[in-house]
N, C-alpha and C. Protein backbone atom coordinates (compact mmCIF):
# COMPACT_ATOMS: atom_id res chain seq x y z
N UNK A 1 -45.07 44.07 -61.54
CA UNK A 1 -46.30 43.85 -61.03
C UNK A 1 -46.75 44.15 -59.79
N UNK A 2 -47.26 44.82 -59.66
CA UNK A 2 -47.54 44.77 -58.07
C UNK A 2 -49.07 44.44 -58.35
N UNK A 3 -49.43 44.10 -56.92
CA UNK A 3 -51.28 43.63 -56.92
C UNK A 3 -51.62 43.90 -54.92
N UNK A 4 -52.84 43.81 -55.11
CA UNK A 4 -52.80 44.41 -53.70
C UNK A 4 -53.69 42.50 -53.57
N UNK A 5 -53.44 41.46 -54.12
CA UNK A 5 -54.25 40.25 -53.46
C UNK A 5 -52.65 39.72 -52.79
N UNK A 6 -53.15 39.10 -51.76
CA UNK A 6 -51.97 38.48 -51.08
C UNK A 6 -50.94 37.27 -51.31
N UNK A 7 -52.07 36.04 -52.39
CA UNK A 7 -52.32 34.92 -52.66
C UNK A 7 -51.61 35.24 -54.30
N UNK A 8 -50.51 35.03 -54.52
CA UNK A 8 -50.27 34.96 -55.89
C UNK A 8 -48.82 34.19 -55.85
N UNK A 9 -49.60 32.59 -56.94
CA UNK A 9 -48.77 31.75 -57.09
C UNK A 9 -47.66 31.40 -58.38
N UNK A 10 -46.49 32.01 -58.84
CA UNK A 10 -45.79 31.70 -59.31
C UNK A 10 -45.81 30.05 -59.53
N UNK A 11 -46.09 30.01 -61.37
CA UNK A 11 -46.04 28.32 -61.71
C UNK A 11 -45.72 28.86 -63.67
N UNK A 12 -46.14 27.35 -63.92
CA UNK A 12 -44.96 27.55 -65.76
C UNK A 12 -46.84 26.74 -66.40
N UNK A 13 -47.32 27.08 -67.25
CA UNK A 13 -48.61 26.60 -67.84
C UNK A 13 -48.55 25.26 -68.24
N UNK A 14 -49.24 24.46 -68.06
CA UNK A 14 -48.99 23.40 -67.78
C UNK A 14 -49.68 22.74 -69.28
N UNK A 15 -51.39 23.37 -69.57
CA UNK A 15 -52.43 22.91 -69.93
C UNK A 15 -53.00 23.80 -70.65
N UNK A 16 -53.24 23.81 -71.93
CA UNK A 16 -54.05 25.52 -72.68
C UNK A 16 -55.22 24.48 -72.38
N UNK A 17 -56.67 24.74 -72.69
CA UNK A 17 -57.65 24.33 -73.58
C UNK A 17 -58.53 25.33 -73.79
N UNK A 18 -58.21 25.80 -74.83
CA UNK A 18 -59.01 26.77 -74.99
C UNK A 18 -61.09 26.23 -76.26
N UNK A 19 -61.82 27.35 -75.58
CA UNK A 19 -63.06 26.79 -75.96
C UNK A 19 -64.18 28.42 -77.00
N UNK A 20 -64.56 27.81 -76.90
CA UNK A 20 -65.57 29.04 -77.39
C UNK A 20 -65.26 30.32 -77.00
N UNK A 21 -65.32 30.82 -75.55
CA UNK A 21 -65.69 31.90 -74.75
C UNK A 21 -64.82 31.99 -74.42
N UNK A 22 -64.36 30.72 -73.39
CA UNK A 22 -63.69 30.68 -72.80
C UNK A 22 -62.09 29.80 -72.56
N UNK A 23 -60.91 30.20 -72.06
CA UNK A 23 -60.17 28.48 -72.21
C UNK A 23 -59.59 28.24 -70.24
N UNK A 24 -59.89 26.97 -70.65
CA UNK A 24 -59.27 26.74 -69.41
C UNK A 24 -57.90 26.53 -69.12
N UNK A 25 -57.14 26.89 -68.22
CA UNK A 25 -56.05 27.52 -67.87
C UNK A 25 -54.74 26.37 -66.80
N UNK A 26 -54.28 25.11 -66.54
CA UNK A 26 -53.74 24.75 -65.23
C UNK A 26 -52.08 25.18 -65.71
N UNK A 27 -51.56 26.03 -64.22
CA UNK A 27 -50.33 26.20 -63.84
C UNK A 27 -50.00 25.07 -63.26
N UNK A 28 -48.67 24.52 -63.00
CA UNK A 28 -47.91 23.24 -62.26
C UNK A 28 -47.39 24.68 -61.16
N UNK A 29 -47.78 24.50 -60.12
CA UNK A 29 -47.15 25.67 -59.00
C UNK A 29 -46.06 25.63 -58.47
N UNK A 30 -45.82 24.16 -58.36
CA UNK A 30 -45.28 22.87 -57.68
C UNK A 30 -44.98 21.89 -58.13
N UNK A 31 -43.57 20.71 -57.95
CA UNK A 31 -43.59 19.40 -58.79
C UNK A 31 -45.29 18.96 -58.54
N UNK A 32 -46.12 18.60 -59.31
CA UNK A 32 -47.30 17.83 -59.18
C UNK A 32 -48.46 18.13 -58.44
N UNK A 33 -47.96 19.95 -57.97
CA UNK A 33 -49.31 20.48 -57.48
C UNK A 33 -49.90 21.75 -58.71
N UNK A 34 -51.37 21.23 -58.76
CA UNK A 34 -51.51 22.22 -59.87
C UNK A 34 -53.08 22.60 -59.89
N UNK A 35 -52.75 24.20 -60.66
CA UNK A 35 -54.23 25.39 -60.02
C UNK A 35 -54.98 25.17 -61.81
N UNK A 36 -56.09 24.79 -61.90
CA UNK A 36 -56.57 25.00 -62.83
C UNK A 36 -57.60 26.44 -62.30
N UNK A 37 -57.49 27.31 -63.16
CA UNK A 37 -58.59 28.73 -64.02
C UNK A 37 -59.24 28.64 -65.33
N UNK A 38 -60.12 29.48 -65.29
CA UNK A 38 -61.18 29.69 -66.28
C UNK A 38 -61.44 30.68 -66.45
N UNK A 39 -60.30 31.34 -67.62
CA UNK A 39 -60.79 32.96 -68.41
C UNK A 39 -61.42 32.78 -69.31
N UNK A 40 -61.22 34.61 -69.78
CA UNK A 40 -62.16 34.23 -71.29
C UNK A 40 -60.72 34.21 -72.16
N UNK A 41 -61.62 33.56 -73.54
CA UNK A 41 -60.21 33.22 -74.45
C UNK A 41 -59.86 34.72 -74.73
N UNK A 42 -60.12 36.11 -74.52
CA UNK A 42 -59.33 37.27 -75.18
C UNK A 42 -58.79 37.37 -73.90
N UNK A 43 -58.94 36.81 -72.62
CA UNK A 43 -57.52 37.48 -72.08
C UNK A 43 -56.46 36.49 -72.33
N UNK A 44 -56.78 34.89 -72.48
CA UNK A 44 -55.71 33.96 -72.74
C UNK A 44 -55.73 34.71 -73.81
N UNK A 45 -55.62 34.88 -74.95
CA UNK A 45 -55.12 35.33 -76.41
C UNK A 45 -54.22 36.90 -75.68
N UNK A 46 -54.86 37.38 -75.06
CA UNK A 46 -53.72 38.95 -74.69
C UNK A 46 -52.52 38.45 -73.46
N UNK A 47 -53.14 37.43 -73.64
CA UNK A 47 -51.51 37.04 -72.33
C UNK A 47 -50.50 36.29 -73.01
N UNK A 48 -50.73 35.80 -74.43
CA UNK A 48 -49.84 34.54 -74.88
C UNK A 48 -49.83 33.46 -74.26
N UNK A 49 -50.78 33.48 -73.80
CA UNK A 49 -50.65 32.11 -72.18
C UNK A 49 -50.50 30.78 -73.49
N UNK A 50 -49.38 29.93 -73.14
CA UNK A 50 -49.29 28.55 -73.85
C UNK A 50 -48.34 27.52 -72.80
N UNK A 51 -48.31 26.05 -73.30
CA UNK A 51 -47.65 25.28 -72.32
C UNK A 51 -46.11 26.20 -72.14
N UNK A 52 -45.76 25.85 -71.01
CA UNK A 52 -43.89 26.28 -70.48
C UNK A 52 -44.14 28.04 -70.39
N UNK A 53 -44.91 28.72 -70.93
CA UNK A 53 -45.10 29.99 -69.69
C UNK A 53 -45.09 30.11 -68.28
N UNK A 54 -43.71 31.13 -67.61
CA UNK A 54 -44.84 31.43 -66.27
C UNK A 54 -45.74 32.65 -66.40
N UNK A 55 -46.04 31.69 -65.50
CA UNK A 55 -47.48 33.44 -64.94
C UNK A 55 -47.68 32.75 -63.52
N UNK A 56 -48.66 33.99 -63.46
CA UNK A 56 -49.05 33.19 -61.66
C UNK A 56 -50.64 33.49 -61.00
N UNK A 57 -50.87 32.35 -60.81
CA UNK A 57 -52.49 32.38 -60.01
C UNK A 57 -52.27 33.33 -59.14
N UNK A 58 -53.43 34.35 -59.13
CA UNK A 58 -53.57 35.21 -58.40
C UNK A 58 -55.07 35.08 -57.50
N UNK A 59 -54.87 35.06 -56.04
CA UNK A 59 -55.79 34.52 -55.58
C UNK A 59 -56.24 35.75 -54.90
N UNK A 60 -57.53 36.49 -55.23
CA UNK A 60 -58.74 36.94 -54.03
C UNK A 60 -59.76 36.80 -53.95
N UNK A 61 -60.14 35.55 -53.02
CA UNK A 61 -61.85 35.86 -52.98
C UNK A 61 -61.72 36.75 -50.86
N UNK A 62 -62.87 36.33 -50.76
CA UNK A 62 -63.58 36.29 -48.68
C UNK A 62 -63.73 34.93 -48.62
N UNK A 63 -63.69 33.96 -49.24
CA UNK A 63 -64.33 32.99 -48.55
C UNK A 63 -63.21 31.71 -49.75
N UNK A 64 -63.43 30.50 -48.59
CA UNK A 64 -62.89 29.58 -49.59
C UNK A 64 -63.32 28.81 -48.39
N UNK A 65 -64.36 27.33 -49.18
CA UNK A 65 -65.24 26.39 -48.96
C UNK A 65 -63.84 25.46 -48.92
N UNK A 66 -63.71 24.49 -47.70
CA UNK A 66 -63.55 23.23 -48.15
C UNK A 66 -64.60 21.60 -48.27
N UNK A 67 -64.92 20.90 -48.63
CA UNK A 67 -65.49 19.65 -48.07
C UNK A 67 -64.73 18.55 -47.87
N UNK A 68 -65.15 17.50 -47.01
CA UNK A 68 -65.18 15.78 -47.50
C UNK A 68 -66.30 15.05 -47.45
N UNK A 69 -66.10 13.68 -47.51
CA UNK A 69 -66.71 13.00 -47.70
C UNK A 69 -66.25 12.28 -46.68
């Protein structure tokens, strides 16, 4: 796999929550560190995402917003 994005985090699918249109997928990228993405249901099906499967969280954004209380 070759991609232009610099931030690709390899992890293991921890949870898959399918909806009518979208699917919420949580990857564990390190012990206790999770990344959650909302993708289309058709993409989740095409990728055969399931708990325990290895996958990548690919992050390509021009802005990252942080906030504190």
